[in-house]
Amino acid sequence: MIRKVTCDDIPAIAELYREQFREMSKLIPDFIKEGDQSVEFLEKTISNDDSDILVYENDGIVVGFILLQTKMQ
């Protein structure tokens, strides 16, 4: 099921970011290092009117997400 993010999803999204950074650091280690996405960034993104996060749930577990932002000119 795809739905709009809630603040309760932050731990799951943070873990998905961690996995993404870990895998990307293996592919392009000169540019990407393992790390965490800050909780503050996720909280601001959720509350910002110029962005949205949609999550994909499978059996009640968040297994994916997409972050959409309006580009400011």
PDB file of N, CA and C in Angstrom:
ATOM      1  N   MET A   1       0.842  -1.175   0.000  1.00  0.00           N
ATOM      2  CA  MET A   1       0.000   0.000   0.000  1.00  0.00           C
ATOM      3  C   MET A   1       0.890   1.242   0.000  1.00  0.00           C
ATOM      4  N   ILE A   2       0.580   2.187  -0.835  1.00  0.00           N
ATOM      5  CA  ILE A   2       1.284   3.468  -0.874  1.00  0.00           C
ATOM      6  C   ILE A   2       0.445   4.482  -0.113  1.00  0.00           C
ATOM      7  N   ARG A   3       1.121   5.237   0.747  1.00  0.00           N
ATOM      8  CA  ARG A   3       0.413   6.257   1.535  1.00  0.00           C
ATOM      9  C   ARG A   3       1.365   7.392   1.861  1.00  0.00           C
ATOM     10  N   LYS A   4       0.789   8.489   2.323  1.00  0.00           N
ATOM     11  CA  LYS A   4       1.590   9.641   2.752  1.00  0.00           C
ATOM     12  C   LYS A   4       2.265   9.311   4.083  1.00  0.00           C
ATOM     13  N   VAL A   5       3.459   9.802   4.244  1.00  0.00           N
ATOM     14  CA  VAL A   5       4.270   9.551   5.432  1.00  0.00           C
ATOM     15  C   VAL A   5       3.634  10.175   6.677  1.00  0.00           C
ATOM     16  N   THR A   6       3.950   9.597   7.828  1.00  0.00           N
ATOM     17  CA  THR A   6       3.641  10.214   9.121  1.00  0.00           C
ATOM     18  C   THR A   6       4.948  10.256   9.917  1.00  0.00           C
ATOM     19  N   CYS A   7       4.957  11.016  10.983  1.00  0.00           N
ATOM     20  CA  CYS A   7       6.160  11.085  11.823  1.00  0.00           C
ATOM     21  C   CYS A   7       6.514   9.721  12.418  1.00  0.00           C
ATOM     22  N   ASP A   8       5.531   8.853  12.568  1.00  0.00           N
ATOM     23  CA  ASP A   8       5.800   7.500  13.081  1.00  0.00           C
ATOM     24  C   ASP A   8       6.668   6.681  12.124  1.00  0.00           C
ATOM     25  N   ASP A   9       6.744   7.103  10.856  1.00  0.00           N
ATOM     26  CA  ASP A   9       7.529   6.380   9.855  1.00  0.00           C
ATOM     27  C   ASP A   9       9.004   6.770   9.849  1.00  0.00           C
ATOM     28  N   ILE A  10       9.376   7.793  10.584  1.00  0.00           N
ATOM     29  CA  ILE A  10      10.759   8.290  10.546  1.00  0.00           C
ATOM     30  C   ILE A  10      11.788   7.202  10.848  1.00  0.00           C
ATOM     31  N   PRO A  11      11.630   6.375  11.882  1.00  0.00           N
ATOM     32  CA  PRO A  11      12.644   5.335  12.119  1.00  0.00           C
ATOM     33  C   PRO A  11      12.816   4.376  10.932  1.00  0.00           C
ATOM     34  N   ALA A  12      11.721   4.000  10.289  1.00  0.00           N
ATOM     35  CA  ALA A  12      11.798   3.085   9.150  1.00  0.00           C
ATOM     36  C   ALA A  12      12.476   3.763   7.963  1.00  0.00           C
ATOM     37  N   ILE A  13      12.148   5.017   7.714  1.00  0.00           N
ATOM     38  CA  ILE A  13      12.772   5.742   6.608  1.00  0.00           C
ATOM     39  C   ILE A  13      14.258   5.950   6.885  1.00  0.00           C
ATOM     40  N   ALA A  14      14.595   6.268   8.117  1.00  0.00           N
ATOM     41  CA  ALA A  14      16.012   6.440   8.475  1.00  0.00           C
ATOM     42  C   ALA A  14      16.793   5.146   8.229  1.00  0.00           C
ATOM     43  N   GLU A  15      16.199   4.013   8.538  1.00  0.00           N
ATOM     44  CA  GLU A  15      16.863   2.725   8.290  1.00  0.00           C
ATOM     45  C   GLU A  15      17.007   2.473   6.791  1.00  0.00           C
ATOM     46  N   LEU A  16      15.998   2.814   6.007  1.00  0.00           N
ATOM     47  CA  LEU A  16      16.097   2.655   4.557  1.00  0.00           C
ATOM     48  C   LEU A  16      17.186   3.557   3.979  1.00  0.00           C
ATOM     49  N   TYR A  17      17.298   4.784   4.476  1.00  0.00           N
ATOM     50  CA  TYR A  17      18.394   5.668   4.056  1.00  0.00           C
ATOM     51  C   TYR A  17      19.740   5.033   4.410  1.00  0.00           C
ATOM     52  N   ARG A  18      19.864   4.478   5.609  1.00  0.00           N
ATOM     53  CA  ARG A  18      21.107   3.845   6.057  1.00  0.00           C
ATOM     54  C   ARG A  18      21.500   2.719   5.083  1.00  0.00           C
ATOM     55  N   GLU A  19      20.520   1.893   4.731  1.00  0.00           N
ATOM     56  CA  GLU A  19      20.775   0.804   3.780  1.00  0.00           C
ATOM     57  C   GLU A  19      21.183   1.358   2.420  1.00  0.00           C
ATOM     58  N   GLN A  20      20.511   2.409   1.977  1.00  0.00           N
ATOM     59  CA  GLN A  20      20.826   3.018   0.687  1.00  0.00           C
ATOM     60  C   GLN A  20      22.253   3.544   0.681  1.00  0.00           C
ATOM     61  N   PHE A  21      22.636   4.295   1.704  1.00  0.00           N
ATOM     62  CA  PHE A  21      23.990   4.846   1.766  1.00  0.00           C
ATOM     63  C   PHE A  21      25.029   3.728   1.821  1.00  0.00           C
ATOM     64  N   ARG A  22      24.743   2.650   2.547  1.00  0.00           N
ATOM     65  CA  ARG A  22      25.674   1.526   2.645  1.00  0.00           C
ATOM     66  C   ARG A  22      25.882   0.890   1.271  1.00  0.00           C
ATOM     67  N   GLU A  23      24.796   0.640   0.549  1.00  0.00           N
ATOM     68  CA  GLU A  23      24.909   0.004  -0.763  1.00  0.00           C
ATOM     69  C   GLU A  23      25.550   0.942  -1.790  1.00  0.00           C
ATOM     70  N   MET A  24      25.190   2.210  -1.755  1.00  0.00           N
ATOM     71  CA  MET A  24      25.779   3.167  -2.690  1.00  0.00           C
ATOM     72  C   MET A  24      27.267   3.355  -2.428  1.00  0.00           C
ATOM     73  N   SER A  25      27.684   3.281  -1.164  1.00  0.00           N
ATOM     74  CA  SER A  25      29.104   3.442  -0.840  1.00  0.00           C
ATOM     75  C   SER A  25      29.933   2.297  -1.414  1.00  0.00           C
ATOM     76  N   LYS A  26      29.318   1.149  -1.627  1.00  0.00           N
ATOM     77  CA  LYS A  26      30.022   0.031  -2.263  1.00  0.00           C
ATOM     78  C   LYS A  26      30.189   0.275  -3.762  1.00  0.00           C
ATOM     79  N   LEU A  27      29.211   0.919  -4.377  1.00  0.00           N
ATOM     80  CA  LEU A  27      29.242   1.154  -5.819  1.00  0.00           C
ATOM     81  C   LEU A  27      30.127   2.336  -6.204  1.00  0.00           C
ATOM     82  N   ILE A  28      30.045   3.406  -5.416  1.00  0.00           N
ATOM     83  CA  ILE A  28      30.826   4.610  -5.722  1.00  0.00           C
ATOM     84  C   ILE A  28      31.473   5.147  -4.436  1.00  0.00           C
ATOM     85  N   PRO A  29      32.457   4.413  -3.928  1.00  0.00           N
ATOM     86  CA  PRO A  29      33.054   4.760  -2.628  1.00  0.00           C
ATOM     87  C   PRO A  29      33.770   6.111  -2.599  1.00  0.00           C
ATOM     88  N   ASP A  30      34.179   6.619  -3.758  1.00  0.00           N
ATOM     89  CA  ASP A  30      34.847   7.925  -3.774  1.00  0.00           C
ATOM     90  C   ASP A  30      33.871   9.080  -3.576  1.00  0.00           C
ATOM     91  N   PHE A  31      32.578   8.805  -3.742  1.00  0.00           N
ATOM     92  CA  PHE A  31      31.580   9.872  -3.660  1.00  0.00           C
ATOM     93  C   PHE A  31      30.575   9.699  -2.533  1.00  0.00           C
ATOM     94  N   ILE A  32      30.303   8.473  -2.149  1.00  0.00           N
ATOM     95  CA  ILE A  32      29.281   8.199  -1.131  1.00  0.00           C
ATOM     96  C   ILE A  32      29.904   7.395  -0.004  1.00  0.00           C
ATOM     97  N   LYS A  33      29.662   7.811   1.199  1.00  0.00           N
ATOM     98  CA  LYS A  33      30.117   7.095   2.385  1.00  0.00           C
ATOM     99  C   LYS A  33      28.907   6.582   3.151  1.00  0.00           C
ATOM    100  N   GLU A  34      29.114   5.508   3.907  1.00  0.00           N
ATOM    101  CA  GLU A  34      28.043   5.024   4.774  1.00  0.00           C
ATOM    102  C   GLU A  34      27.683   6.123   5.761  1.00  0.00           C
ATOM    103  N   GLY A  35      26.417   6.186   6.119  1.00  0.00           N
ATOM    104  CA  GLY A  35      26.001   7.211   7.061  1.00  0.00           C
ATOM    105  C   GLY A  35      24.514   7.161   7.312  1.00  0.00           C
ATOM    106  N   ASP A  36      24.065   8.141   8.051  1.00  0.00           N
ATOM    107  CA  ASP A  36      22.663   8.249   8.434  1.00  0.00           C
ATOM    108  C   ASP A  36      22.085   9.542   7.888  1.00  0.00           C
ATOM    109  N   GLN A  37      20.795   9.516   7.605  1.00  0.00           N
ATOM    110  CA  GLN A  37      20.067  10.736   7.276  1.00  0.00           C
ATOM    111  C   GLN A  37      19.568  11.315   8.593  1.00  0.00           C
ATOM    112  N   SER A  38      19.702  12.605   8.765  1.00  0.00           N
ATOM    113  CA  SER A  38      19.323  13.198  10.044  1.00  0.00           C
ATOM    114  C   SER A  38      17.808  13.175  10.244  1.00  0.00           C
ATOM    115  N   VAL A  39      17.416  12.919  11.465  1.00  0.00           N
ATOM    116  CA  VAL A  39      16.003  12.944  11.837  1.00  0.00           C
ATOM    117  C   VAL A  39      15.439  14.344  11.608  1.00  0.00           C
ATOM    118  N   GLU A  40      16.252  15.367  11.864  1.00  0.00           N
ATOM    119  CA  GLU A  40      15.806  16.745  11.668  1.00  0.00           C
ATOM    120  C   GLU A  40      15.440  16.997  10.202  1.00  0.00           C
ATOM    121  N   PHE A  41      16.243  16.458   9.278  1.00  0.00           N
ATOM    122  CA  PHE A  41      15.941  16.602   7.852  1.00  0.00           C
ATOM    123  C   PHE A  41      14.595  15.961   7.533  1.00  0.00           C
ATOM    124  N   LEU A  42      14.373  14.758   8.040  1.00  0.00           N
ATOM    125  CA  LEU A  42      13.116  14.062   7.774  1.00  0.00           C
ATOM    126  C   LEU A  42      11.931  14.807   8.381  1.00  0.00           C
ATOM    127  N   GLU A  43      12.081  15.297   9.593  1.00  0.00           N
ATOM    128  CA  GLU A  43      10.995  16.057  10.235  1.00  0.00           C
ATOM    129  C   GLU A  43      10.670  17.315   9.438  1.00  0.00           C
ATOM    130  N   LYS A  44      11.706  18.045   8.997  1.00  0.00           N
ATOM    131  CA  LYS A  44      11.477  19.262   8.206  1.00  0.00           C
ATOM    132  C   LYS A  44      10.824  18.938   6.871  1.00  0.00           C
ATOM    133  N   THR A  45      11.254  17.858   6.249  1.00  0.00           N
ATOM    134  CA  THR A  45      10.688  17.467   4.963  1.00  0.00           C
ATOM    135  C   THR A  45       9.214  17.112   5.106  1.00  0.00           C
ATOM    136  N   ILE A  46       8.875  16.405   6.167  1.00  0.00           N
ATOM    137  CA  ILE A  46       7.484  16.030   6.402  1.00  0.00           C
ATOM    138  C   ILE A  46       6.617  17.258   6.639  1.00  0.00           C
ATOM    139  N   SER A  47       7.135  18.237   7.366  1.00  0.00           N
ATOM    140  CA  SER A  47       6.327  19.409   7.711  1.00  0.00           C
ATOM    141  C   SER A  47       6.352  20.501   6.643  1.00  0.00           C
ATOM    142  N   ASN A  48       7.261  20.400   5.679  1.00  0.00           N
ATOM    143  CA  ASN A  48       7.417  21.423   4.646  1.00  0.00           C
ATOM    144  C   ASN A  48       6.315  21.297   3.591  1.00  0.00           C
ATOM    145  N   ASP A  49       5.708  22.430   3.249  1.00  0.00           N
ATOM    146  CA  ASP A  49       4.649  22.429   2.226  1.00  0.00           C
ATOM    147  C   ASP A  49       5.188  22.194   0.814  1.00  0.00           C
ATOM    148  N   ASP A  50       6.504  22.348   0.619  1.00  0.00           N
ATOM    149  CA  ASP A  50       7.104  22.181  -0.701  1.00  0.00           C
ATOM    150  C   ASP A  50       7.657  20.780  -0.937  1.00  0.00           C
ATOM    151  N   SER A  51       7.331  19.837  -0.043  1.00  0.00           N
ATOM    152  CA  SER A  51       7.822  18.468  -0.219  1.00  0.00           C
ATOM    153  C   SER A  51       6.809  17.470   0.333  1.00  0.00           C
ATOM    154  N   ASP A  52       6.945  16.254  -0.148  1.00  0.00           N
ATOM    155  CA  ASP A  52       6.123  15.145   0.330  1.00  0.00           C
ATOM    156  C   ASP A  52       6.979  13.889   0.347  1.00  0.00           C
ATOM    157  N   ILE A  53       6.647  12.993   1.234  1.00  0.00           N
ATOM    158  CA  ILE A  53       7.231  11.662   1.235  1.00  0.00           C
ATOM    159  C   ILE A  53       6.072  10.682   1.185  1.00  0.00           C
ATOM    160  N   LEU A  54       6.159   9.758   0.248  1.00  0.00           N
ATOM    161  CA  LEU A  54       5.204   8.653   0.173  1.00  0.00           C
ATOM    162  C   LEU A  54       5.945   7.394   0.577  1.00  0.00           C
ATOM    163  N   VAL A  55       5.276   6.540   1.343  1.00  0.00           N
ATOM    164  CA  VAL A  55       5.889   5.278   1.759  1.00  0.00           C
ATOM    165  C   VAL A  55       5.114   4.118   1.153  1.00  0.00           C
ATOM    166  N   TYR A  56       5.824   3.011   0.970  1.00  0.00           N
ATOM    167  CA  TYR A  56       5.206   1.778   0.517  1.00  0.00           C
ATOM    168  C   TYR A  56       5.281   0.786   1.665  1.00  0.00           C
ATOM    169  N   GLU A  57       4.116   0.286   2.065  1.00  0.00           N
ATOM    170  CA  GLU A  57       4.014  -0.686   3.152  1.00  0.00           C
ATOM    171  C   GLU A  57       3.686  -2.060   2.599  1.00  0.00           C
ATOM    172  N   ASN A  58       4.316  -3.070   3.177  1.00  0.00           N
ATOM    173  CA  ASN A  58       4.003  -4.455   2.869  1.00  0.00           C
ATOM    174  C   ASN A  58       3.758  -5.159   4.200  1.00  0.00           C
ATOM    175  N   ASP A  59       2.561  -5.645   4.405  1.00  0.00           N
ATOM    176  CA  ASP A  59       2.173  -6.283   5.677  1.00  0.00           C
ATOM    177  C   ASP A  59       2.459  -5.378   6.882  1.00  0.00           C
ATOM    178  N   GLY A  60       2.178  -4.074   6.709  1.00  0.00           N
ATOM    179  CA  GLY A  60       2.334  -3.124   7.800  1.00  0.00           C
ATOM    180  C   GLY A  60       3.755  -2.645   8.050  1.00  0.00           C
ATOM    181  N   ILE A  61       4.695  -3.061   7.196  1.00  0.00           N
ATOM    182  CA  ILE A  61       6.101  -2.667   7.361  1.00  0.00           C
ATOM    183  C   ILE A  61       6.482  -1.754   6.198  1.00  0.00           C
ATOM    184  N   VAL A  62       7.086  -0.598   6.518  1.00  0.00           N
ATOM    185  CA  VAL A  62       7.546   0.320   5.481  1.00  0.00           C
ATOM    186  C   VAL A  62       8.777  -0.294   4.815  1.00  0.00           C
ATOM    187  N   VAL A  63       8.660  -0.571   3.506  1.00  0.00           N
ATOM    188  CA  VAL A  63       9.761  -1.207   2.787  1.00  0.00           C
ATOM    189  C   VAL A  63      10.324  -0.315   1.676  1.00  0.00           C
ATOM    190  N   GLY A  64       9.728   0.853   1.484  1.00  0.00           N
ATOM    191  CA  GLY A  64      10.234   1.774   0.479  1.00  0.00           C
ATOM    192  C   GLY A  64       9.608   3.142   0.646  1.00  0.00           C
ATOM    193  N   PHE A  65      10.231   4.129   0.021  1.00  0.00           N
ATOM    194  CA  PHE A  65       9.685   5.498   0.077  1.00  0.00           C
ATOM    195  C   PHE A  65      10.198   6.290  -1.114  1.00  0.00           C
ATOM    196  N   ILE A  66       9.513   7.391  -1.369  1.00  0.00           N
ATOM    197  CA  ILE A  66       9.967   8.354  -2.372  1.00  0.00           C
ATOM    198  C   ILE A  66       9.770   9.738  -1.773  1.00  0.00           C
ATOM    199  N   LEU A  67      10.762  10.589  -1.994  1.00  0.00           N
ATOM    200  CA  LEU A  67      10.723  11.959  -1.506  1.00  0.00           C
ATOM    201  C   LEU A  67      10.550  12.862  -2.712  1.00  0.00           C
ATOM    202  N   LEU A  68       9.550  13.720  -2.652  1.00  0.00           N
ATOM    203  CA  LEU A  68       9.245  14.656  -3.739  1.00  0.00           C
ATOM    204  C   LEU A  68       9.406  16.070  -3.212  1.00  0.00           C
ATOM    205  N   GLN A  69      10.152  16.907  -3.952  1.00  0.00           N
ATOM    206  CA  GLN A  69      10.339  18.286  -3.538  1.00  0.00           C
ATOM    207  C   GLN A  69      10.127  19.207  -4.721  1.00  0.00           C
ATOM    208  N   THR A  70       9.525  20.360  -4.455  1.00  0.00           N
ATOM    209  CA  THR A  70       9.396  21.397  -5.453  1.00  0.00           C
ATOM    210  C   THR A  70      10.706  22.170  -5.493  1.00  0.00           C
ATOM    211  N   LYS A  71      11.229  22.324  -6.672  1.00  0.00           N
ATOM    212  CA  LYS A  71      12.492  23.072  -6.822  1.00  0.00           C
ATOM    213  C   LYS A  71      12.198  24.559  -6.778  1.00  0.00           C
ATOM    214  N   MET A  72      12.902  25.226  -5.900  1.00  0.00           N
ATOM    215  CA  MET A  72      12.736  26.678  -5.787  1.00  0.00           C
ATOM    216  C   MET A  72      13.613  27.353  -6.831  1.00  0.00           C
ATOM    217  N   GLN A  73      13.058  28.323  -7.537  1.00  0.00           N
ATOM    218  CA  GLN A  73      13.810  29.064  -8.573  1.00  0.00           C
ATOM    219  C   GLN A  73      14.520  30.232  -7.964  1.00  0.00           C
TER     220      GLN A  73
END
